[in-house]
Amino acid sequence: MTMTLYHCVSARSFRPLWMLEELGLPYELKVLPFPPRHDAETYLEVNPLGTIPAFFDGTTRMTESAAICQYLAARHSARQLNVESDEPDFGAYLNFLHFGEATLTFPQTLILRYSRFEPPERRLPQAAEDYTRWFLSRLRTLEPLLESREYLCAGRFTAADVSVGYALLLADDIGLRERFKPATLAYWQRLQQRDGFRRALAAQQRAAAEQGVSLDSVAHATGPF
């Protein structure tokens, strides 16, 4: 049975899309306008949370992007994009996998909310700047690590790099690329050169065009949030 991924352009659902392309797995991609709970209300029948992604693999239903990456890596890429529990970097792998979402992407959602998604009278420039500093301070913790290695853990590209890589994609979309430290910027440039990343970009562009959805990324969407 073909897997199905519900996706918005350059939203968190890009993580599982990137994984699917890295793994060469068959899937159906359904692209929705952002935010889908407002602009595609029938989506609530698919995912009552109204959030992106929603992922289906047979009877398996998932809505957390980092968890979907972990699921795909564990089921389809043992000792490659997955790091096994008997490998020395297993703990580091899990930590970076969730660091990408919980620590890096979370503050970016607040930057977007208070600088772009809310109506002008509800925007809070100081809150947006505070969360920008929060994001950058946490991103800087990767710099010493990336000065000495190509990828985050286990000596290879893994799902953890997909998780953190998406946070860098979103930061780039927001306009924070110029504030990346040198090793982090070089890492982001390496990730963008991967065939899987490029195929994921092409897949979302093709599907959005075919399904009549704007190619504007989530970072350029307008409210309501």
C-alpha atoms as a PDB file:
ATOM      1  CA  MET A   1       0.000   0.000   0.000  1.00  0.00           C
ATOM      2  CA  THR A   2       1.363   3.421  -0.988  1.00  0.00           C
ATOM      3  CA  MET A   3       2.079   5.836   1.821  1.00  0.00           C
ATOM      4  CA  THR A   4       0.263   9.187   1.819  1.00  0.00           C
ATOM      5  CA  LEU A   5       1.657  12.495   3.046  1.00  0.00           C
ATOM      6  CA  TYR A   6      -0.398  15.676   3.490  1.00  0.00           C
ATOM      7  CA  HIS A   7       1.900  18.646   3.028  1.00  0.00           C
ATOM      8  CA  CYS A   8       2.106  22.441   2.802  1.00  0.00           C
ATOM      9  CA  VAL A   9       4.920  24.058   0.834  1.00  0.00           C
ATOM     10  CA  SER A  10       8.068  24.173   3.004  1.00  0.00           C
ATOM     11  CA  ALA A  11       6.121  23.427   6.194  1.00  0.00           C
ATOM     12  CA  ARG A  12       7.219  20.872   8.810  1.00  0.00           C
ATOM     13  CA  SER A  13       5.877  18.179   6.488  1.00  0.00           C
ATOM     14  CA  PHE A  14       8.953  18.820   4.332  1.00  0.00           C
ATOM     15  CA  ARG A  15      10.843  16.626   6.802  1.00  0.00           C
ATOM     16  CA  PRO A  16       8.981  13.385   5.930  1.00  0.00           C
ATOM     17  CA  LEU A  17       8.871  14.392   2.247  1.00  0.00           C
ATOM     18  CA  TRP A  18      12.658  14.723   2.263  1.00  0.00           C
ATOM     19  CA  MET A  19      12.940  11.345   4.020  1.00  0.00           C
ATOM     20  CA  LEU A  20      10.704   9.659   1.466  1.00  0.00           C
ATOM     21  CA  GLU A  21      12.851  10.995  -1.352  1.00  0.00           C
ATOM     22  CA  GLU A  22      16.116  10.031   0.366  1.00  0.00           C
ATOM     23  CA  LEU A  23      14.761   6.505   0.765  1.00  0.00           C
ATOM     24  CA  GLY A  24      13.250   6.242  -2.712  1.00  0.00           C
ATOM     25  CA  LEU A  25       9.924   5.026  -1.347  1.00  0.00           C
ATOM     26  CA  PRO A  26       6.624   5.242  -3.264  1.00  0.00           C
ATOM     27  CA  TYR A  27       4.168   7.751  -1.827  1.00  0.00           C
ATOM     28  CA  GLU A  28       1.231   9.987  -2.677  1.00  0.00           C
ATOM     29  CA  LEU A  29       1.695  13.681  -1.937  1.00  0.00           C
ATOM     30  CA  LYS A  30      -1.334  15.847  -1.202  1.00  0.00           C
ATOM     31  CA  VAL A  31      -0.473  19.554  -1.072  1.00  0.00           C
ATOM     32  CA  LEU A  32      -2.711  21.965   0.816  1.00  0.00           C
ATOM     33  CA  PRO A  33      -2.774  25.753   1.222  1.00  0.00           C
ATOM     34  CA  PHE A  34      -1.452  27.058   4.544  1.00  0.00           C
ATOM     35  CA  PRO A  35      -2.955  27.050   7.110  1.00  0.00           C
ATOM     36  CA  PRO A  36      -5.076  24.082   6.004  1.00  0.00           C
ATOM     37  CA  ARG A  37      -7.497  24.270   8.933  1.00  0.00           C
ATOM     38  CA  HIS A  38      -8.615  27.648   7.567  1.00  0.00           C
ATOM     39  CA  ASP A  39      -8.100  27.378   3.793  1.00  0.00           C
ATOM     40  CA  ALA A  40      -8.931  23.661   3.358  1.00  0.00           C
ATOM     41  CA  GLU A  41     -11.507  22.896   6.035  1.00  0.00           C
ATOM     42  CA  THR A  42     -12.205  19.365   4.760  1.00  0.00           C
ATOM     43  CA  TYR A  43      -8.686  18.533   5.927  1.00  0.00           C
ATOM     44  CA  LEU A  44     -10.073  18.448   9.473  1.00  0.00           C
ATOM     45  CA  GLU A  45     -11.715  15.164   8.494  1.00  0.00           C
ATOM     46  CA  VAL A  46      -8.225  13.804   7.800  1.00  0.00           C
ATOM     47  CA  ASN A  47      -6.500  15.354  10.806  1.00  0.00           C
ATOM     48  CA  PRO A  48      -8.805  16.899  13.451  1.00  0.00           C
ATOM     49  CA  LEU A  49      -5.835  18.876  14.787  1.00  0.00           C
ATOM     50  CA  GLY A  50      -5.723  20.766  11.512  1.00  0.00           C
ATOM     51  CA  THR A  51      -1.935  20.608  11.556  1.00  0.00           C
ATOM     52  CA  ILE A  52       0.588  19.553   8.934  1.00  0.00           C
ATOM     53  CA  PRO A  53       1.836  16.890   8.364  1.00  0.00           C
ATOM     54  CA  ALA A  54      -0.540  13.977   8.347  1.00  0.00           C
ATOM     55  CA  PHE A  55       1.038  10.711   7.279  1.00  0.00           C
ATOM     56  CA  PHE A  56      -0.588   7.363   6.571  1.00  0.00           C
ATOM     57  CA  ASP A  57       1.078   4.001   6.037  1.00  0.00           C
ATOM     58  CA  GLY A  58      -1.575   1.317   6.037  1.00  0.00           C
ATOM     59  CA  THR A  59      -3.251   1.524   9.426  1.00  0.00           C
ATOM     60  CA  THR A  60      -0.471   3.730  10.823  1.00  0.00           C
ATOM     61  CA  ARG A  61      -1.421   7.401  11.239  1.00  0.00           C
ATOM     62  CA  MET A  62       1.113  10.013  12.364  1.00  0.00           C
ATOM     63  CA  THR A  63       1.117  13.804  12.704  1.00  0.00           C
ATOM     64  CA  GLU A  64       4.531  14.665  14.213  1.00  0.00           C
ATOM     65  CA  SER A  65       7.190  15.398  11.601  1.00  0.00           C
ATOM     66  CA  ALA A  66      10.251  14.259  13.582  1.00  0.00           C
ATOM     67  CA  ALA A  67       8.455  11.079  14.659  1.00  0.00           C
ATOM     68  CA  ILE A  68       7.607  10.287  11.030  1.00  0.00           C
ATOM     69  CA  CYS A  69      11.297  10.686  10.159  1.00  0.00           C
ATOM     70  CA  GLN A  70      12.225   8.302  12.958  1.00  0.00           C
ATOM     71  CA  TYR A  71       9.562   5.815  11.809  1.00  0.00           C
ATOM     72  CA  LEU A  72      10.708   5.849   8.190  1.00  0.00           C
ATOM     73  CA  ALA A  73      14.376   5.552   9.111  1.00  0.00           C
ATOM     74  CA  ALA A  74      13.774   2.663  11.504  1.00  0.00           C
ATOM     75  CA  ARG A  75      11.545   0.724   9.121  1.00  0.00           C
ATOM     76  CA  HIS A  76      13.326   1.374   5.840  1.00  0.00           C
ATOM     77  CA  SER A  77      16.946   2.364   6.494  1.00  0.00           C
ATOM     78  CA  ALA A  78      18.588   0.306   9.221  1.00  0.00           C
ATOM     79  CA  ARG A  79      22.134   1.512   9.986  1.00  0.00           C
ATOM     80  CA  GLN A  80      21.891   4.117   7.249  1.00  0.00           C
ATOM     81  CA  LEU A  81      19.489   7.006   7.868  1.00  0.00           C
ATOM     82  CA  ASN A  82      18.642   5.283  11.159  1.00  0.00           C
ATOM     83  CA  VAL A  83      21.048   4.895  14.074  1.00  0.00           C
ATOM     84  CA  GLU A  84      20.520   1.626  15.911  1.00  0.00           C
ATOM     85  CA  SER A  85      20.331   1.269  19.690  1.00  0.00           C
ATOM     86  CA  ASP A  86      23.619  -0.664  19.784  1.00  0.00           C
ATOM     87  CA  GLU A  87      25.552   2.106  18.011  1.00  0.00           C
ATOM     88  CA  PRO A  88      27.572   4.545  20.150  1.00  0.00           C
ATOM     89  CA  ASP A  89      25.753   7.589  18.765  1.00  0.00           C
ATOM     90  CA  PHE A  90      22.230   6.283  19.340  1.00  0.00           C
ATOM     91  CA  GLY A  91      21.565   8.805  22.117  1.00  0.00           C
ATOM     92  CA  ALA A  92      23.040  11.684  20.125  1.00  0.00           C
ATOM     93  CA  TYR A  93      20.912  10.661  17.139  1.00  0.00           C
ATOM     94  CA  LEU A  94      17.667  10.769  19.120  1.00  0.00           C
ATOM     95  CA  ASN A  95      18.673  14.037  20.759  1.00  0.00           C
ATOM     96  CA  PHE A  96      19.414  15.816  17.477  1.00  0.00           C
ATOM     97  CA  LEU A  97      16.331  14.311  15.839  1.00  0.00           C
ATOM     98  CA  HIS A  98      14.122  15.988  18.439  1.00  0.00           C
ATOM     99  CA  PHE A  99      16.346  19.053  18.879  1.00  0.00           C
ATOM    100  CA  GLY A 100      15.492  20.014  15.288  1.00  0.00           C
ATOM    101  CA  GLU A 101      11.798  20.280  16.117  1.00  0.00           C
ATOM    102  CA  ALA A 102      11.460  21.015  19.823  1.00  0.00           C
ATOM    103  CA  THR A 103      14.384  23.417  20.207  1.00  0.00           C
ATOM    104  CA  LEU A 104      14.913  24.959  16.751  1.00  0.00           C
ATOM    105  CA  THR A 105      11.558  24.980  14.953  1.00  0.00           C
ATOM    106  CA  PHE A 106       9.416  25.932  17.949  1.00  0.00           C
ATOM    107  CA  PRO A 107      10.801  29.497  18.342  1.00  0.00           C
ATOM    108  CA  GLN A 108      10.561  30.025  14.586  1.00  0.00           C
ATOM    109  CA  THR A 109       6.806  29.425  14.689  1.00  0.00           C
ATOM    110  CA  LEU A 110       6.548  32.266  17.207  1.00  0.00           C
ATOM    111  CA  ILE A 111       8.730  34.520  15.061  1.00  0.00           C
ATOM    112  CA  LEU A 112       6.362  33.904  12.170  1.00  0.00           C
ATOM    113  CA  ARG A 113       3.270  34.349  14.265  1.00  0.00           C
ATOM    114  CA  TYR A 114       4.213  37.682  15.780  1.00  0.00           C
ATOM    115  CA  SER A 115       5.912  39.163  12.709  1.00  0.00           C
ATOM    116  CA  ARG A 116       3.736  37.897   9.816  1.00  0.00           C
ATOM    117  CA  PHE A 117       0.738  35.698  10.596  1.00  0.00           C
ATOM    118  CA  GLU A 118      -1.153  37.883  13.051  1.00  0.00           C
ATOM    119  CA  PRO A 119      -3.074  40.911  11.718  1.00  0.00           C
ATOM    120  CA  PRO A 120      -0.982  44.112  11.913  1.00  0.00           C
ATOM    121  CA  GLU A 121      -2.642  45.351  15.090  1.00  0.00           C
ATOM    122  CA  ARG A 122      -1.744  42.115  16.929  1.00  0.00           C
ATOM    123  CA  ARG A 123       1.858  41.800  15.793  1.00  0.00           C
ATOM    124  CA  LEU A 124       4.589  42.037  18.413  1.00  0.00           C
ATOM    125  CA  PRO A 125       7.948  43.020  16.878  1.00  0.00           C
ATOM    126  CA  GLN A 126       9.766  42.754  20.202  1.00  0.00           C
ATOM    127  CA  ALA A 127       8.484  39.208  20.778  1.00  0.00           C
ATOM    128  CA  ALA A 128       9.556  38.250  17.259  1.00  0.00           C
ATOM    129  CA  GLU A 129      13.037  39.637  17.878  1.00  0.00           C
ATOM    130  CA  ASP A 130      13.284  37.925  21.275  1.00  0.00           C
ATOM    131  CA  TYR A 131      12.434  34.544  19.749  1.00  0.00           C
ATOM    132  CA  THR A 132      14.872  35.211  16.890  1.00  0.00           C
ATOM    133  CA  ARG A 133      17.637  35.626  19.458  1.00  0.00           C
ATOM    134  CA  TRP A 134      16.436  32.493  21.246  1.00  0.00           C
ATOM    135  CA  PHE A 135      16.603  30.494  18.021  1.00  0.00           C
ATOM    136  CA  LEU A 136      20.052  31.792  17.078  1.00  0.00           C
ATOM    137  CA  SER A 137      21.484  31.174  20.550  1.00  0.00           C
ATOM    138  CA  ARG A 138      20.399  27.543  20.393  1.00  0.00           C
ATOM    139  CA  LEU A 139      21.541  27.150  16.805  1.00  0.00           C
ATOM    140  CA  ARG A 140      25.006  28.334  17.818  1.00  0.00           C
ATOM    141  CA  THR A 141      25.412  25.261  20.012  1.00  0.00           C
ATOM    142  CA  LEU A 142      25.869  23.252  16.789  1.00  0.00           C
ATOM    143  CA  GLU A 143      28.800  25.366  15.578  1.00  0.00           C
ATOM    144  CA  PRO A 144      31.672  23.630  17.455  1.00  0.00           C
ATOM    145  CA  LEU A 145      30.328  20.238  16.411  1.00  0.00           C
ATOM    146  CA  LEU A 146      29.971  21.146  12.737  1.00  0.00           C
ATOM    147  CA  GLU A 147      33.462  22.620  12.639  1.00  0.00           C
ATOM    148  CA  SER A 148      34.835  19.091  12.964  1.00  0.00           C
ATOM    149  CA  ARG A 149      32.315  16.843  11.233  1.00  0.00           C
ATOM    150  CA  GLU A 150      30.223  16.697   8.085  1.00  0.00           C
ATOM    151  CA  TYR A 151      26.989  15.507   9.706  1.00  0.00           C
ATOM    152  CA  LEU A 152      25.550  15.562  13.211  1.00  0.00           C
ATOM    153  CA  CYS A 153      26.193  12.023  14.403  1.00  0.00           C
ATOM    154  CA  ALA A 154      27.255   8.464  13.587  1.00  0.00           C
ATOM    155  CA  GLY A 155      29.667   9.626  10.881  1.00  0.00           C
ATOM    156  CA  ARG A 156      26.933   9.731   8.235  1.00  0.00           C
ATOM    157  CA  PHE A 157      23.818  11.530   7.056  1.00  0.00           C
ATOM    158  CA  THR A 158      20.814  10.435   9.148  1.00  0.00           C
ATOM    159  CA  ALA A 159      17.231  11.397   9.885  1.00  0.00           C
ATOM    160  CA  ALA A 160      18.633  13.750  12.543  1.00  0.00           C
ATOM    161  CA  ASP A 161      20.142  15.837   9.742  1.00  0.00           C
ATOM    162  CA  VAL A 162      16.744  15.954   8.043  1.00  0.00           C
ATOM    163  CA  SER A 163      15.150  17.208  11.246  1.00  0.00           C
ATOM    164  CA  VAL A 164      17.744  19.917  11.881  1.00  0.00           C
ATOM    165  CA  GLY A 165      18.058  20.636   8.153  1.00  0.00           C
ATOM    166  CA  TYR A 166      14.379  21.558   7.946  1.00  0.00           C
ATOM    167  CA  ALA A 167      14.858  24.078  10.763  1.00  0.00           C
ATOM    168  CA  LEU A 168      17.631  25.653   8.686  1.00  0.00           C
ATOM    169  CA  LEU A 169      15.381  25.715   5.611  1.00  0.00           C
ATOM    170  CA  LEU A 170      12.709  27.563   7.579  1.00  0.00           C
ATOM    171  CA  ALA A 171      15.281  29.950   9.043  1.00  0.00           C
ATOM    172  CA  ASP A 172      16.546  30.647   5.527  1.00  0.00           C
ATOM    173  CA  ASP A 173      12.977  31.364   4.394  1.00  0.00           C
ATOM    174  CA  ILE A 174      12.470  33.734   7.340  1.00  0.00           C
ATOM    175  CA  GLY A 175      15.624  35.645   6.375  1.00  0.00           C
ATOM    176  CA  LEU A 176      18.043  34.445   9.047  1.00  0.00           C
ATOM    177  CA  ARG A 177      20.619  32.805   6.769  1.00  0.00           C
ATOM    178  CA  GLU A 178      23.013  35.766   7.064  1.00  0.00           C
ATOM    179  CA  ARG A 179      23.114  35.207  10.822  1.00  0.00           C
ATOM    180  CA  PHE A 180      24.256  31.564  10.578  1.00  0.00           C
ATOM    181  CA  LYS A 181      27.768  30.902  11.861  1.00  0.00           C
ATOM    182  CA  PRO A 182      30.283  29.710   9.199  1.00  0.00           C
ATOM    183  CA  ALA A 183      30.259  25.966   9.955  1.00  0.00           C
ATOM    184  CA  THR A 184      26.463  25.934  10.249  1.00  0.00           C
ATOM    185  CA  LEU A 185      26.137  27.755   6.937  1.00  0.00           C
ATOM    186  CA  ALA A 186      28.520  25.287   5.271  1.00  0.00           C
ATOM    187  CA  TYR A 187      26.476  22.396   6.718  1.00  0.00           C
ATOM    188  CA  TRP A 188      23.252  23.898   5.362  1.00  0.00           C
ATOM    189  CA  GLN A 189      24.870  24.294   1.946  1.00  0.00           C
ATOM    190  CA  ARG A 190      25.938  20.618   2.006  1.00  0.00           C
ATOM    191  CA  LEU A 191      22.422  19.507   2.856  1.00  0.00           C
ATOM    192  CA  GLN A 192      21.005  21.512  -0.041  1.00  0.00           C
ATOM    193  CA  GLN A 193      23.298  19.676  -2.451  1.00  0.00           C
ATOM    194  CA  ARG A 194      21.855  16.263  -1.589  1.00  0.00           C
ATOM    195  CA  ASP A 195      19.889  14.593  -4.351  1.00  0.00           C
ATOM    196  CA  GLY A 196      17.142  13.660  -1.884  1.00  0.00           C
ATOM    197  CA  PHE A 197      16.713  17.275  -0.816  1.00  0.00           C
ATOM    198  CA  ARG A 198      16.552  18.468  -4.401  1.00  0.00           C
ATOM    199  CA  ARG A 199      14.057  15.766  -5.341  1.00  0.00           C
ATOM    200  CA  ALA A 200      11.859  16.773  -2.387  1.00  0.00           C
ATOM    201  CA  LEU A 201      11.875  20.405  -3.520  1.00  0.00           C
ATOM    202  CA  ALA A 202      10.964  19.323  -7.051  1.00  0.00           C
ATOM    203  CA  ALA A 203       8.228  16.983  -5.787  1.00  0.00           C
ATOM    204  CA  GLN A 204       6.508  19.695  -3.748  1.00  0.00           C
ATOM    205  CA  GLN A 205       6.731  22.148  -6.639  1.00  0.00           C
ATOM    206  CA  ARG A 206       5.308  19.645  -9.109  1.00  0.00           C
ATOM    207  CA  ALA A 207       2.501  18.503  -6.801  1.00  0.00           C
ATOM    208  CA  ALA A 208       1.554  22.059  -5.826  1.00  0.00           C
ATOM    209  CA  ALA A 209       1.318  23.078  -9.481  1.00  0.00           C
ATOM    210  CA  GLU A 210      -0.736  19.998 -10.379  1.00  0.00           C
ATOM    211  CA  GLN A 211      -3.084  20.502  -7.424  1.00  0.00           C
ATOM    212  CA  GLY A 212      -3.537  24.240  -7.889  1.00  0.00           C
ATOM    213  CA  VAL A 213      -1.813  25.324  -4.675  1.00  0.00           C
ATOM    214  CA  SER A 214       0.376  28.421  -4.367  1.00  0.00           C
ATOM    215  CA  LEU A 215       4.108  27.770  -4.352  1.00  0.00           C
ATOM    216  CA  ASP A 216       4.656  30.394  -1.647  1.00  0.00           C
ATOM    217  CA  SER A 217       6.362  28.808   1.334  1.00  0.00           C
ATOM    218  CA  VAL A 218       4.768  28.718   4.764  1.00  0.00           C
ATOM    219  CA  ALA A 219       7.100  31.548   5.812  1.00  0.00           C
ATOM    220  CA  HIS A 220       5.332  33.834   3.332  1.00  0.00           C
ATOM    221  CA  ALA A 221       1.768  32.815   4.117  1.00  0.00           C
ATOM    222  CA  THR A 222      -0.667  35.350   5.460  1.00  0.00           C
ATOM    223  CA  GLY A 223      -3.056  34.839   8.380  1.00  0.00           C
ATOM    224  CA  PRO A 224      -5.095  33.827  10.103  1.00  0.00           C
ATOM    225  CA  PHE A 225      -2.646  31.701  12.063  1.00  0.00           C
END
